[in-house]
Structures are given as structure tokens and as C-alpha cells.
């Protein structure tokens, strides 16, 4: 089954051709960092206008790289939500037009499901069910109990800032450019993670929830102090990053202690963070639990993961109607079998 995936939930214009939910024939992604950098963050109106300008060429590019034709595509998959409404509307409208013109089935995909199924791409061995997914990105931080492609439930989530959001805001406090997360990670690699004792959030008894707003605020107050003004930026970055990683690994440990899982999946934009990857791999080796981490190109927003979800969930759900609309607040719940 050859699926054309379209992803425009935020500021990446992405398309992909994926066969059988695993083999990526082509994956195209154009980021808009240069358009948003001077604002220090994503401007929704600019993002949606850039999608309009870039999406058609991105579809053509993917087809050319895959050496295939639109007529050979078996289905169209598109991110319906969650995300920026203007950006989502562009992708959904394009996918509906293609599905109508080609008389092909249309599958609307939850963006967060896409991040989880990024771990299935371009690998011979898929994560064995049930597994625990740690999904960390700029907008979301969640622990997900994954029983099958259509049986998933969120068992822990952030109560305030997502991990990626905390990275970007802390990077701004350190005077780093946009996007801040990767730059803070690079700076932290030169610093001492034990130089400063920043707080680790402890959840309520029985909870797997996360919180990073207190950590971000602690860094801000520290940098405003006499000690902070004299501190090395690389040590502050490394100490902040160590606090984030410690919290995430602690939640994974607790989830495994309380549940039964065959593997752990790390996904989302923050999954490409060097310290988090290293810590999770070390944890998995000590526990003798397989860890699945997508390559960096599939950690950030991409259309291959959207096509993968459509394939794996297509047996449990009917194709979506051409009256489909974008939903920026789409709930996490997977589709129910018809």
C-alpha cells in the first residue's frame, strides 16, 4: 500500500511517499526557521502563507524522488490536528483536493499518533506491543501506553510547559538564537551538568504527570542573581538539561515499575536531544528493555510518520469523508474500529 502523506501542523511543509507503513520512498520537508527567526518564535499567519506557497512543489518533489506518479498512490494521509489552525487548513484542503481528483481514500491523522509511529519507519524490527511511548516536543510532553495501533491512552502529561517549550524559553534567557532547543543542546555539551542544582518536579502520589514551568522560572531567577551573572552559560545549559532529562527518565522508570511493557519508544522533536537519547539508551541497557528512537529526520515534524499512521490504522477505521475539516484541538483518542 503506497500512501502519500501531508503534514502542515505547524511551520514545516512536509510530504512523503511510504509503502506499507514502513518503507520511506521519499520524505520532503521545508522548514521556515528563516521566516520566523527575527520574531523569536513561530508567527501563525506567516506559517500558513508559506505552506500555501510551498506545498504543491513539495508534493511534486516527493513524487520525483520516489520515481512514481500520483496515479500510483493508493491513499492520501493528512494531519488533521492538533496544531495551528491556519497551517492545518492548508494541508487538509490540499489532501481533500487530491483525494477527490484521484478518487483515492483520504485518511485524517492525529499528529501525536504520527510521532509515535515514526519509530516504525525505515527499520526491519518494529516496536513490540505493548510499549511505552515518551513523546516530547515543543508543544507536548506525554507518556502513552500503546497496546496496538488503535489502543493507546495517555497516562502522563505536562501540567504546564512542554519540554521543548521549556528548552526554547531557557535558550532565550541565555541569549541563544531560534530555534533554541538544538542550540541549547549544543551549548550544554560543553558544560558541567552538576554545576548548578536546578529543581526536579515531583508529581503527586500515583501521578506520572510532568511540569517544567518551575524549572524554567528557577533558571530565570538564577540568571538574575549575582551568582548567575557570573556563571558560565554552558554550565547553566548543561545543568538545565540534566534536570529535564532526570525528570523524563524518572517518569519512564515509574511507568515501567507500575505497568507491563515490551519496549520504550522515544519520539517528538526533543527526541533528537543528545543527552536524552544517551540517558534513555543507558537506562534501557541496564533494564534490558529495547529502546526505539527514530533518526533525527523522523523526530521532528514530517509526513512519513503521518503516512505510517494511516497504514497501521486503516484496518480499524473507514476512510474519512471529503467534508473533513481541520481540528486544531483534536483529542488524542485513536479511531474506534467500525
C-alpha atoms as a PDB file:
ATOM      1  CA  UNK A   1       0.000   0.000   0.000  1.00  0.00           C
ATOM      2  CA  UNK A   2       1.567   3.265  -1.156  1.00  0.00           C
ATOM      3  CA  UNK A   3       0.434   6.327   0.809  1.00  0.00           C
ATOM      4  CA  UNK A   4       1.119   9.986   0.134  1.00  0.00           C
ATOM      5  CA  UNK A   5       1.472  11.790   3.457  1.00  0.00           C
ATOM      6  CA  UNK A   6       0.991  15.526   4.009  1.00  0.00           C
ATOM      7  CA  UNK A   7       1.998  17.311   7.227  1.00  0.00           C
ATOM      8  CA  UNK A   8       1.419  21.037   7.843  1.00  0.00           C
ATOM      9  CA  UNK A   9       0.512  21.205  11.524  1.00  0.00           C
ATOM     10  CA  UNK A  10       2.986  23.941  12.391  1.00  0.00           C
ATOM     11  CA  UNK A  11       5.805  25.513  10.355  1.00  0.00           C
ATOM     12  CA  UNK A  12       7.250  22.525   8.437  1.00  0.00           C
ATOM     13  CA  UNK A  13       5.842  21.903   4.970  1.00  0.00           C
ATOM     14  CA  UNK A  14       6.265  18.148   4.575  1.00  0.00           C
ATOM     15  CA  UNK A  15       5.274  15.417   2.134  1.00  0.00           C
ATOM     16  CA  UNK A  16       6.270  11.758   1.848  1.00  0.00           C
ATOM     17  CA  UNK A  17       5.640   8.525  -0.033  1.00  0.00           C
ATOM     18  CA  UNK A  18       5.602   5.492   2.277  1.00  0.00           C
ATOM     19  CA  UNK A  19       4.940   1.876   1.375  1.00  0.00           C
ATOM     20  CA  UNK A  20       3.251  -0.453   3.861  1.00  0.00           C
ATOM     21  CA  UNK A  21       3.709   1.937   6.758  1.00  0.00           C
ATOM     22  CA  UNK A  22       7.444   1.361   6.969  1.00  0.00           C
ATOM     23  CA  UNK A  23       9.448   1.817   3.761  1.00  0.00           C
ATOM     24  CA  UNK A  24      10.026   5.515   3.079  1.00  0.00           C
ATOM     25  CA  UNK A  25      10.428   6.039  -0.665  1.00  0.00           C
ATOM     26  CA  UNK A  26      10.683   9.809  -0.308  1.00  0.00           C
ATOM     27  CA  UNK A  27      10.410  12.352   2.502  1.00  0.00           C
ATOM     28  CA  UNK A  28      10.468  16.082   1.812  1.00  0.00           C
ATOM     29  CA  UNK A  29      10.422  18.777   4.492  1.00  0.00           C
ATOM     30  CA  UNK A  30      10.980  22.514   4.212  1.00  0.00           C
ATOM     31  CA  UNK A  31      11.300  24.388   7.494  1.00  0.00           C
ATOM     32  CA  UNK A  32      10.505  28.068   7.877  1.00  0.00           C
ATOM     33  CA  UNK A  33      13.109  28.985  10.506  1.00  0.00           C
ATOM     34  CA  UNK A  34      14.469  31.844   8.418  1.00  0.00           C
ATOM     35  CA  UNK A  35      10.994  33.436   8.204  1.00  0.00           C
ATOM     36  CA  UNK A  36      10.333  33.251  11.957  1.00  0.00           C
ATOM     37  CA  UNK A  37      13.810  33.782  13.440  1.00  0.00           C
ATOM     38  CA  UNK A  38      13.541  37.559  13.734  1.00  0.00           C
ATOM     39  CA  UNK A  39      10.355  37.179  15.793  1.00  0.00           C
ATOM     40  CA  UNK A  40      11.913  34.656  18.179  1.00  0.00           C
ATOM     41  CA  UNK A  41       9.122  32.156  17.532  1.00  0.00           C
ATOM     42  CA  UNK A  42       6.543  30.954  15.033  1.00  0.00           C
ATOM     43  CA  UNK A  43       4.122  33.507  13.594  1.00  0.00           C
ATOM     44  CA  UNK A  44       0.971  31.528  12.629  1.00  0.00           C
ATOM     45  CA  UNK A  45      -0.055  33.751   9.707  1.00  0.00           C
ATOM     46  CA  UNK A  46       3.424  33.552   8.154  1.00  0.00           C
ATOM     47  CA  UNK A  47       3.438  29.780   8.625  1.00  0.00           C
ATOM     48  CA  UNK A  48       0.131  29.245   6.831  1.00  0.00           C
ATOM     49  CA  UNK A  49       1.081  31.525   3.923  1.00  0.00           C
ATOM     50  CA  UNK A  50       4.355  29.665   3.454  1.00  0.00           C
ATOM     51  CA  UNK A  51       2.504  26.345   3.356  1.00  0.00           C
ATOM     52  CA  UNK A  52       0.349  27.708   0.526  1.00  0.00           C
ATOM     53  CA  UNK A  53       3.469  28.733  -1.366  1.00  0.00           C
ATOM     54  CA  UNK A  54       5.441  25.516  -0.796  1.00  0.00           C
ATOM     55  CA  UNK A  55       3.036  22.568  -0.582  1.00  0.00           C
ATOM     56  CA  UNK A  56       2.398  21.923  -4.273  1.00  0.00           C
ATOM     57  CA  UNK A  57       6.120  21.862  -5.033  1.00  0.00           C
ATOM     58  CA  UNK A  58       6.707  19.597  -2.032  1.00  0.00           C
ATOM     59  CA  UNK A  59       4.221  17.043  -3.417  1.00  0.00           C
ATOM     60  CA  UNK A  60       5.910  17.129  -6.828  1.00  0.00           C
ATOM     61  CA  UNK A  61       9.334  16.798  -5.182  1.00  0.00           C
ATOM     62  CA  UNK A  62       8.294  13.710  -3.220  1.00  0.00           C
ATOM     63  CA  UNK A  63       6.842  12.036  -6.301  1.00  0.00           C
ATOM     64  CA  UNK A  64      10.010  12.744  -8.269  1.00  0.00           C
ATOM     65  CA  UNK A  65      12.278  11.391  -5.530  1.00  0.00           C
ATOM     66  CA  UNK A  66      10.150   8.256  -5.218  1.00  0.00           C
ATOM     67  CA  UNK A  67      10.114   7.873  -9.007  1.00  0.00           C
ATOM     68  CA  UNK A  68       6.374   7.391  -9.016  1.00  0.00           C
ATOM     69  CA  UNK A  69       3.180   9.114 -10.212  1.00  0.00           C
ATOM     70  CA  UNK A  70       0.127  10.397  -8.410  1.00  0.00           C
ATOM     71  CA  UNK A  71      -1.903   7.755 -10.212  1.00  0.00           C
ATOM     72  CA  UNK A  72       0.151   5.048  -8.441  1.00  0.00           C
ATOM     73  CA  UNK A  73      -0.721   6.315  -4.973  1.00  0.00           C
ATOM     74  CA  UNK A  74      -3.237   4.130  -3.091  1.00  0.00           C
ATOM     75  CA  UNK A  75      -4.349   6.675  -0.468  1.00  0.00           C
ATOM     76  CA  UNK A  76      -3.809  10.193   0.836  1.00  0.00           C
ATOM     77  CA  UNK A  77      -2.984  10.813   4.506  1.00  0.00           C
ATOM     78  CA  UNK A  78      -3.000  14.240   6.134  1.00  0.00           C
ATOM     79  CA  UNK A  79      -2.567  15.717   9.589  1.00  0.00           C
ATOM     80  CA  UNK A  80      -5.950  16.903  10.822  1.00  0.00           C
ATOM     81  CA  UNK A  81      -4.698  18.187  14.196  1.00  0.00           C
ATOM     82  CA  UNK A  82      -3.673  19.202  16.744  1.00  0.00           C
ATOM     83  CA  UNK A  83      -1.727  22.230  15.538  1.00  0.00           C
ATOM     84  CA  UNK A  84      -2.070  25.756  14.194  1.00  0.00           C
ATOM     85  CA  UNK A  85      -5.476  26.133  12.556  1.00  0.00           C
ATOM     86  CA  UNK A  86      -4.246  28.142   9.551  1.00  0.00           C
ATOM     87  CA  UNK A  87      -1.457  25.678   8.835  1.00  0.00           C
ATOM     88  CA  UNK A  88      -3.741  22.660   9.225  1.00  0.00           C
ATOM     89  CA  UNK A  89      -6.363  24.117   6.875  1.00  0.00           C
ATOM     90  CA  UNK A  90      -3.800  24.349   4.062  1.00  0.00           C
ATOM     91  CA  UNK A  91      -2.762  20.705   4.348  1.00  0.00           C
ATOM     92  CA  UNK A  92      -6.295  19.368   4.785  1.00  0.00           C
ATOM     93  CA  UNK A  93      -7.593  21.349   1.792  1.00  0.00           C
ATOM     94  CA  UNK A  94      -4.765  20.073  -0.409  1.00  0.00           C
ATOM     95  CA  UNK A  95      -5.297  16.461   0.690  1.00  0.00           C
ATOM     96  CA  UNK A  96      -9.052  16.657   0.052  1.00  0.00           C
ATOM     97  CA  UNK A  97      -8.457  18.086  -3.412  1.00  0.00           C
ATOM     98  CA  UNK A  98      -6.007  15.315  -4.285  1.00  0.00           C
ATOM     99  CA  UNK A  99      -8.274  12.589  -2.922  1.00  0.00           C
ATOM    100  CA  UNK A 100     -11.213  13.953  -4.917  1.00  0.00           C
ATOM    101  CA  UNK A 101      -9.254  14.401  -8.156  1.00  0.00           C
ATOM    102  CA  UNK A 102      -7.637  10.943  -7.932  1.00  0.00           C
ATOM    103  CA  UNK A 103     -10.664   9.149  -6.442  1.00  0.00           C
ATOM    104  CA  UNK A 104      -8.456   7.817  -3.659  1.00  0.00           C
ATOM    105  CA  UNK A 105      -9.335   7.251   0.020  1.00  0.00           C
ATOM    106  CA  UNK A 106      -8.469  10.033   2.441  1.00  0.00           C
ATOM    107  CA  UNK A 107      -7.177   9.346   5.965  1.00  0.00           C
ATOM    108  CA  UNK A 108      -7.104  12.077   8.600  1.00  0.00           C
ATOM    109  CA  UNK A 109      -4.315  11.517  11.105  1.00  0.00           C
ATOM    110  CA  UNK A 110      -3.646  12.736  14.623  1.00  0.00           C
ATOM    111  CA  UNK A 111      -0.258  14.484  14.639  1.00  0.00           C
ATOM    112  CA  UNK A 112       0.671  12.937  18.004  1.00  0.00           C
ATOM    113  CA  UNK A 113      -0.012   9.425  16.731  1.00  0.00           C
ATOM    114  CA  UNK A 114       2.396  10.280  13.928  1.00  0.00           C
ATOM    115  CA  UNK A 115       5.253  10.927  16.340  1.00  0.00           C
ATOM    116  CA  UNK A 116       4.689   7.544  17.973  1.00  0.00           C
ATOM    117  CA  UNK A 117       4.687   5.690  14.655  1.00  0.00           C
ATOM    118  CA  UNK A 118       7.837   7.457  13.488  1.00  0.00           C
ATOM    119  CA  UNK A 119       9.575   4.639  15.362  1.00  0.00           C
ATOM    120  CA  UNK A 120       8.266   2.168  12.739  1.00  0.00           C
ATOM    121  CA  UNK A 121       9.911   3.899   9.776  1.00  0.00           C
ATOM    122  CA  UNK A 122      12.891   2.552   7.845  1.00  0.00           C
ATOM    123  CA  UNK A 123      13.577  -0.338  10.201  1.00  0.00           C
ATOM    124  CA  UNK A 124      13.170  -4.082   9.905  1.00  0.00           C
ATOM    125  CA  UNK A 125      12.091  -4.536  13.521  1.00  0.00           C
ATOM    126  CA  UNK A 126       9.042  -2.673  14.800  1.00  0.00           C
ATOM    127  CA  UNK A 127       8.459  -1.868  18.483  1.00  0.00           C
ATOM    128  CA  UNK A 128       6.639  -4.859  20.019  1.00  0.00           C
ATOM    129  CA  UNK A 129       3.249  -4.197  21.591  1.00  0.00           C
ATOM    130  CA  UNK A 130       2.568  -3.222  24.272  1.00  0.00           C
ATOM    131  CA  UNK A 131       5.148  -0.461  24.563  1.00  0.00           C
ATOM    132  CA  UNK A 132       5.550   2.824  26.398  1.00  0.00           C
ATOM    133  CA  UNK A 133       5.962   5.940  24.263  1.00  0.00           C
ATOM    134  CA  UNK A 134       7.668   9.022  25.668  1.00  0.00           C
ATOM    135  CA  UNK A 135       6.538  11.823  23.373  1.00  0.00           C
ATOM    136  CA  UNK A 136       8.428  15.076  23.936  1.00  0.00           C
ATOM    137  CA  UNK A 137       8.184  18.093  21.662  1.00  0.00           C
ATOM    138  CA  UNK A 138       7.752  21.847  21.638  1.00  0.00           C
ATOM    139  CA  UNK A 139       4.028  21.579  22.242  1.00  0.00           C
ATOM    140  CA  UNK A 140       3.574  18.255  24.012  1.00  0.00           C
ATOM    141  CA  UNK A 141       5.143  16.067  26.693  1.00  0.00           C
ATOM    142  CA  UNK A 142       3.299  12.808  27.260  1.00  0.00           C
ATOM    143  CA  UNK A 143       3.706   9.220  28.358  1.00  0.00           C
ATOM    144  CA  UNK A 144       1.498   6.960  26.266  1.00  0.00           C
ATOM    145  CA  UNK A 145       0.509   3.351  26.934  1.00  0.00           C
ATOM    146  CA  UNK A 146       0.416   1.801  23.431  1.00  0.00           C
ATOM    147  CA  UNK A 147      -1.370  -1.564  23.216  1.00  0.00           C
ATOM    148  CA  UNK A 148      -1.926  -1.519  19.441  1.00  0.00           C
ATOM    149  CA  UNK A 149      -2.226   0.945  16.577  1.00  0.00           C
ATOM    150  CA  UNK A 150      -5.719   1.846  17.800  1.00  0.00           C
ATOM    151  CA  UNK A 151      -5.444   1.154  21.538  1.00  0.00           C
ATOM    152  CA  UNK A 152      -3.496   3.981  23.160  1.00  0.00           C
ATOM    153  CA  UNK A 153      -4.037   6.101  26.219  1.00  0.00           C
ATOM    154  CA  UNK A 154      -2.132   8.976  27.740  1.00  0.00           C
ATOM    155  CA  UNK A 155      -1.001   8.038  31.264  1.00  0.00           C
ATOM    156  CA  UNK A 156       1.091  11.135  31.977  1.00  0.00           C
ATOM    157  CA  UNK A 157       1.200  14.640  30.536  1.00  0.00           C
ATOM    158  CA  UNK A 158       2.672  18.044  31.222  1.00  0.00           C
ATOM    159  CA  UNK A 159       0.671  20.302  33.502  1.00  0.00           C
ATOM    160  CA  UNK A 160       2.169  23.465  32.045  1.00  0.00           C
ATOM    161  CA  UNK A 161       5.148  23.914  29.705  1.00  0.00           C
ATOM    162  CA  UNK A 162       6.144  21.089  27.374  1.00  0.00           C
ATOM    163  CA  UNK A 163       9.802  20.036  27.481  1.00  0.00           C
ATOM    164  CA  UNK A 164      10.572  21.610  24.113  1.00  0.00           C
ATOM    165  CA  UNK A 165       8.870  24.849  25.126  1.00  0.00           C
ATOM    166  CA  UNK A 166      10.997  24.977  28.281  1.00  0.00           C
ATOM    167  CA  UNK A 167      14.107  24.442  26.141  1.00  0.00           C
ATOM    168  CA  UNK A 168      13.206  27.295  23.795  1.00  0.00           C
ATOM    169  CA  UNK A 169      12.372  29.707  26.615  1.00  0.00           C
ATOM    170  CA  UNK A 170      15.537  28.856  28.530  1.00  0.00           C
ATOM    171  CA  UNK A 171      17.578  29.271  25.372  1.00  0.00           C
ATOM    172  CA  UNK A 172      16.102  32.755  25.010  1.00  0.00           C
ATOM    173  CA  UNK A 173      17.135  33.544  28.598  1.00  0.00           C
ATOM    174  CA  UNK A 174      20.678  32.508  27.657  1.00  0.00           C
ATOM    175  CA  UNK A 175      20.640  34.757  24.603  1.00  0.00           C
ATOM    176  CA  UNK A 176      20.673  31.911  22.105  1.00  0.00           C
ATOM    177  CA  UNK A 177      19.082  32.141  18.660  1.00  0.00           C
ATOM    178  CA  UNK A 178      15.983  30.489  17.225  1.00  0.00           C
ATOM    179  CA  UNK A 179      15.212  27.610  17.254  1.00  0.00           C
ATOM    180  CA  UNK A 180      16.592  27.489  20.780  1.00  0.00           C
ATOM    181  CA  UNK A 181      16.353  23.779  21.671  1.00  0.00           C
ATOM    182  CA  UNK A 182      19.125  22.477  19.376  1.00  0.00           C
ATOM    183  CA  UNK A 183      21.366  25.436  20.226  1.00  0.00           C
ATOM    184  CA  UNK A 184      20.956  24.850  23.960  1.00  0.00           C
ATOM    185  CA  UNK A 185      21.758  21.160  23.464  1.00  0.00           C
ATOM    186  CA  UNK A 186      24.951  22.045  21.589  1.00  0.00           C
ATOM    187  CA  UNK A 187      25.972  24.546  24.280  1.00  0.00           C
ATOM    188  CA  UNK A 188      25.224  22.066  27.087  1.00  0.00           C
ATOM    189  CA  UNK A 189      27.625  19.523  25.620  1.00  0.00           C
ATOM    190  CA  UNK A 190      30.482  21.862  26.610  1.00  0.00           C
ATOM    191  CA  UNK A 191      29.225  22.438  30.144  1.00  0.00           C
ATOM    192  CA  UNK A 192      29.096  20.740  33.550  1.00  0.00           C
ATOM    193  CA  UNK A 193      25.644  19.236  34.244  1.00  0.00           C
ATOM    194  CA  UNK A 194      26.366  19.255  38.005  1.00  0.00           C
ATOM    195  CA  UNK A 195      27.422  22.898  38.199  1.00  0.00           C
ATOM    196  CA  UNK A 196      24.010  24.162  39.362  1.00  0.00           C
ATOM    197  CA  UNK A 197      21.267  22.334  41.250  1.00  0.00           C
ATOM    198  CA  UNK A 198      18.040  23.203  39.455  1.00  0.00           C
ATOM    199  CA  UNK A 199      14.772  21.675  40.752  1.00  0.00           C
ATOM    200  CA  UNK A 200      13.256  18.383  39.579  1.00  0.00           C
ATOM    201  CA  UNK A 201       9.474  18.270  39.574  1.00  0.00           C
ATOM    202  CA  UNK A 202       7.946  15.579  41.776  1.00  0.00           C
ATOM    203  CA  UNK A 203       4.368  14.621  40.850  1.00  0.00           C
ATOM    204  CA  UNK A 204       1.556  13.851  43.218  1.00  0.00           C
ATOM    205  CA  UNK A 205       1.389  10.317  44.564  1.00  0.00           C
ATOM    206  CA  UNK A 206       0.195   7.962  41.856  1.00  0.00           C
ATOM    207  CA  UNK A 207       0.697  10.508  39.056  1.00  0.00           C
ATOM    208  CA  UNK A 208       3.002  10.327  36.048  1.00  0.00           C
ATOM    209  CA  UNK A 209       2.417  13.956  35.087  1.00  0.00           C
ATOM    210  CA  UNK A 210       5.210  16.358  34.196  1.00  0.00           C
ATOM    211  CA  UNK A 211       5.918  20.021  34.888  1.00  0.00           C
ATOM    212  CA  UNK A 212       8.695  22.234  33.552  1.00  0.00           C
ATOM    213  CA  UNK A 213       7.495  25.774  34.277  1.00  0.00           C
ATOM    214  CA  UNK A 214       9.113  25.798  37.733  1.00  0.00           C
ATOM    215  CA  UNK A 215      12.436  24.711  36.277  1.00  0.00           C
ATOM    216  CA  UNK A 216      12.319  27.439  33.639  1.00  0.00           C
ATOM    217  CA  UNK A 217      11.466  30.055  36.283  1.00  0.00           C
ATOM    218  CA  UNK A 218      14.272  28.807  38.528  1.00  0.00           C
ATOM    219  CA  UNK A 219      16.768  29.309  35.704  1.00  0.00           C
ATOM    220  CA  UNK A 220      15.462  32.832  35.123  1.00  0.00           C
ATOM    221  CA  UNK A 221      15.837  33.845  38.782  1.00  0.00           C
ATOM    222  CA  UNK A 222      19.281  32.260  38.913  1.00  0.00           C
ATOM    223  CA  UNK A 223      20.473  34.199  35.883  1.00  0.00           C
ATOM    224  CA  UNK A 224      19.233  37.411  37.511  1.00  0.00           C
ATOM    225  CA  UNK A 225      21.265  36.739  40.670  1.00  0.00           C
ATOM    226  CA  UNK A 226      24.904  37.701  41.303  1.00  0.00           C
ATOM    227  CA  UNK A 227      25.906  34.047  41.090  1.00  0.00           C
ATOM    228  CA  UNK A 228      24.009  33.566  37.843  1.00  0.00           C
ATOM    229  CA  UNK A 229      25.518  36.611  36.160  1.00  0.00           C
ATOM    230  CA  UNK A 230      28.964  35.165  36.871  1.00  0.00           C
ATOM    231  CA  UNK A 231      28.053  31.626  35.775  1.00  0.00           C
ATOM    232  CA  UNK A 232      29.244  30.071  32.542  1.00  0.00           C
ATOM    233  CA  UNK A 233      26.367  29.799  30.027  1.00  0.00           C
ATOM    234  CA  UNK A 234      27.426  26.286  29.059  1.00  0.00           C
ATOM    235  CA  UNK A 235      27.201  25.172  32.716  1.00  0.00           C
ATOM    236  CA  UNK A 236      23.723  26.696  33.071  1.00  0.00           C
ATOM    237  CA  UNK A 237      22.603  24.971  29.861  1.00  0.00           C
ATOM    238  CA  UNK A 238      24.050  21.617  30.931  1.00  0.00           C
ATOM    239  CA  UNK A 239      22.508  21.856  34.415  1.00  0.00           C
ATOM    240  CA  UNK A 240      19.099  22.797  32.988  1.00  0.00           C
ATOM    241  CA  UNK A 241      19.264  19.930  30.501  1.00  0.00           C
ATOM    242  CA  UNK A 242      20.250  17.461  33.221  1.00  0.00           C
ATOM    243  CA  UNK A 243      17.160  18.456  35.216  1.00  0.00           C
ATOM    244  CA  UNK A 244      14.850  17.901  32.226  1.00  0.00           C
ATOM    245  CA  UNK A 245      16.410  14.536  31.403  1.00  0.00           C
ATOM    246  CA  UNK A 246      16.307  13.360  35.032  1.00  0.00           C
ATOM    247  CA  UNK A 247      12.585  14.127  35.255  1.00  0.00           C
ATOM    248  CA  UNK A 248      11.775  12.330  31.987  1.00  0.00           C
ATOM    249  CA  UNK A 249      13.809   9.222  32.831  1.00  0.00           C
ATOM    250  CA  UNK A 250      12.260   9.115  36.310  1.00  0.00           C
ATOM    251  CA  UNK A 251       8.765   9.071  34.765  1.00  0.00           C
ATOM    252  CA  UNK A 252       9.725   6.304  32.345  1.00  0.00           C
ATOM    253  CA  UNK A 253      11.124   4.272  35.242  1.00  0.00           C
ATOM    254  CA  UNK A 254       7.974   4.716  37.269  1.00  0.00           C
ATOM    255  CA  UNK A 255       5.741   3.804  34.323  1.00  0.00           C
ATOM    256  CA  UNK A 256       7.647   0.558  33.808  1.00  0.00           C
ATOM    257  CA  UNK A 257       7.542  -0.222  37.522  1.00  0.00           C
ATOM    258  CA  UNK A 258       3.761   0.188  37.511  1.00  0.00           C
ATOM    259  CA  UNK A 259       2.946  -1.335  34.089  1.00  0.00           C
ATOM    260  CA  UNK A 260       3.963  -4.127  31.727  1.00  0.00           C
ATOM    261  CA  UNK A 261       5.741  -3.128  28.503  1.00  0.00           C
ATOM    262  CA  UNK A 262       7.957  -4.863  25.956  1.00  0.00           C
ATOM    263  CA  UNK A 263       9.804  -1.738  24.799  1.00  0.00           C
ATOM    264  CA  UNK A 264      10.130   2.018  25.128  1.00  0.00           C
ATOM    265  CA  UNK A 265       9.766   4.485  22.253  1.00  0.00           C
ATOM    266  CA  UNK A 266      11.210   7.991  22.359  1.00  0.00           C
ATOM    267  CA  UNK A 267       9.623  10.385  19.861  1.00  0.00           C
ATOM    268  CA  UNK A 268       8.949  14.033  19.112  1.00  0.00           C
ATOM    269  CA  UNK A 269      11.285  16.902  18.346  1.00  0.00           C
ATOM    270  CA  UNK A 270      13.091  16.688  21.697  1.00  0.00           C
ATOM    271  CA  UNK A 271      13.810  13.001  20.989  1.00  0.00           C
ATOM    272  CA  UNK A 272      16.786  14.170  18.920  1.00  0.00           C
ATOM    273  CA  UNK A 273      18.348  15.744  22.037  1.00  0.00           C
ATOM    274  CA  UNK A 274      21.753  14.142  22.646  1.00  0.00           C
ATOM    275  CA  UNK A 275      21.549  13.986  26.446  1.00  0.00           C
ATOM    276  CA  UNK A 276      18.043  12.480  26.466  1.00  0.00           C
ATOM    277  CA  UNK A 277      18.965   9.863  23.878  1.00  0.00           C
ATOM    278  CA  UNK A 278      22.102   8.906  25.800  1.00  0.00           C
ATOM    279  CA  UNK A 279      20.225   8.656  29.103  1.00  0.00           C
ATOM    280  CA  UNK A 280      17.405   6.549  27.654  1.00  0.00           C
ATOM    281  CA  UNK A 281      19.816   4.173  25.920  1.00  0.00           C
ATOM    282  CA  UNK A 282      21.776   3.754  29.145  1.00  0.00           C
ATOM    283  CA  UNK A 283      18.533   3.135  31.056  1.00  0.00           C
ATOM    284  CA  UNK A 284      17.319   0.576  28.509  1.00  0.00           C
ATOM    285  CA  UNK A 285      20.612  -1.333  28.597  1.00  0.00           C
ATOM    286  CA  UNK A 286      20.549  -1.555  32.391  1.00  0.00           C
ATOM    287  CA  UNK A 287      16.939  -2.728  32.322  1.00  0.00           C
ATOM    288  CA  UNK A 288      17.432  -4.985  29.285  1.00  0.00           C
ATOM    289  CA  UNK A 289      14.468  -3.302  27.598  1.00  0.00           C
ATOM    290  CA  UNK A 290      14.578  -2.470  23.864  1.00  0.00           C
ATOM    291  CA  UNK A 291      14.591   1.266  23.127  1.00  0.00           C
ATOM    292  CA  UNK A 292      13.369   2.605  19.772  1.00  0.00           C
ATOM    293  CA  UNK A 293      14.453   6.105  18.781  1.00  0.00           C
ATOM    294  CA  UNK A 294      13.712   7.373  15.255  1.00  0.00           C
ATOM    295  CA  UNK A 295      16.507   9.009  13.238  1.00  0.00           C
ATOM    296  CA  UNK A 296      16.599  12.808  13.730  1.00  0.00           C
ATOM    297  CA  UNK A 297      14.798  13.416  10.422  1.00  0.00           C
ATOM    298  CA  UNK A 298      11.789  11.499  11.744  1.00  0.00           C
ATOM    299  CA  UNK A 299      11.866  13.044  15.250  1.00  0.00           C
ATOM    300  CA  UNK A 300      10.862  16.474  14.009  1.00  0.00           C
ATOM    301  CA  UNK A 301       7.576  17.034  12.141  1.00  0.00           C
ATOM    302  CA  UNK A 302       7.499  15.011   8.921  1.00  0.00           C
ATOM    303  CA  UNK A 303       4.948  13.491   6.558  1.00  0.00           C
ATOM    304  CA  UNK A 304       6.359   9.954   6.570  1.00  0.00           C
ATOM    305  CA  UNK A 305       5.078   9.411  10.091  1.00  0.00           C
ATOM    306  CA  UNK A 306       1.613  10.610   9.010  1.00  0.00           C
ATOM    307  CA  UNK A 307       1.543   8.084   6.176  1.00  0.00           C
ATOM    308  CA  UNK A 308       2.692   5.368   8.604  1.00  0.00           C
ATOM    309  CA  UNK A 309      -0.232   6.032  10.946  1.00  0.00           C
ATOM    310  CA  UNK A 310      -2.714   5.898   8.079  1.00  0.00           C
ATOM    311  CA  UNK A 311      -1.421   2.487   7.062  1.00  0.00           C
ATOM    312  CA  UNK A 312      -1.418   0.980  10.560  1.00  0.00           C
ATOM    313  CA  UNK A 313      -4.845   2.371  11.497  1.00  0.00           C
ATOM    314  CA  UNK A 314      -6.566   1.860   8.131  1.00  0.00           C
ATOM    315  CA  UNK A 315      -7.806  -1.619   9.017  1.00  0.00           C
ATOM    316  CA  UNK A 316      -9.673  -0.215  12.009  1.00  0.00           C
ATOM    317  CA  UNK A 317     -11.271   2.861  10.509  1.00  0.00           C
ATOM    318  CA  UNK A 318     -13.106   3.853   7.356  1.00  0.00           C
ATOM    319  CA  UNK A 319     -11.603   6.430   5.040  1.00  0.00           C
ATOM    320  CA  UNK A 320     -12.612   9.958   6.010  1.00  0.00           C
ATOM    321  CA  UNK A 321     -15.175  11.962   4.025  1.00  0.00           C
ATOM    322  CA  UNK A 322     -14.207  14.865   1.770  1.00  0.00           C
ATOM    323  CA  UNK A 323     -16.210  17.104   4.113  1.00  0.00           C
ATOM    324  CA  UNK A 324     -13.420  16.634   6.646  1.00  0.00           C
ATOM    325  CA  UNK A 325     -12.294  19.792   8.468  1.00  0.00           C
ATOM    326  CA  UNK A 326      -9.094  20.638  10.321  1.00  0.00           C
ATOM    327  CA  UNK A 327      -9.234  20.470  14.111  1.00  0.00           C
ATOM    328  CA  UNK A 328      -6.512  22.390  15.996  1.00  0.00           C
ATOM    329  CA  UNK A 329      -7.646  20.832  19.288  1.00  0.00           C
ATOM    330  CA  UNK A 330      -8.054  17.261  18.050  1.00  0.00           C
ATOM    331  CA  UNK A 331      -8.153  14.931  21.087  1.00  0.00           C
ATOM    332  CA  UNK A 332      -5.597  12.168  21.400  1.00  0.00           C
ATOM    333  CA  UNK A 333      -8.071   9.261  21.347  1.00  0.00           C
ATOM    334  CA  UNK A 334      -7.347   6.817  18.473  1.00  0.00           C
ATOM    335  CA  UNK A 335     -10.059   5.844  15.989  1.00  0.00           C
ATOM    336  CA  UNK A 336     -12.568   3.189  17.068  1.00  0.00           C
ATOM    337  CA  UNK A 337     -12.971   0.087  14.915  1.00  0.00           C
ATOM    338  CA  UNK A 338     -16.097   0.280  12.735  1.00  0.00           C
END
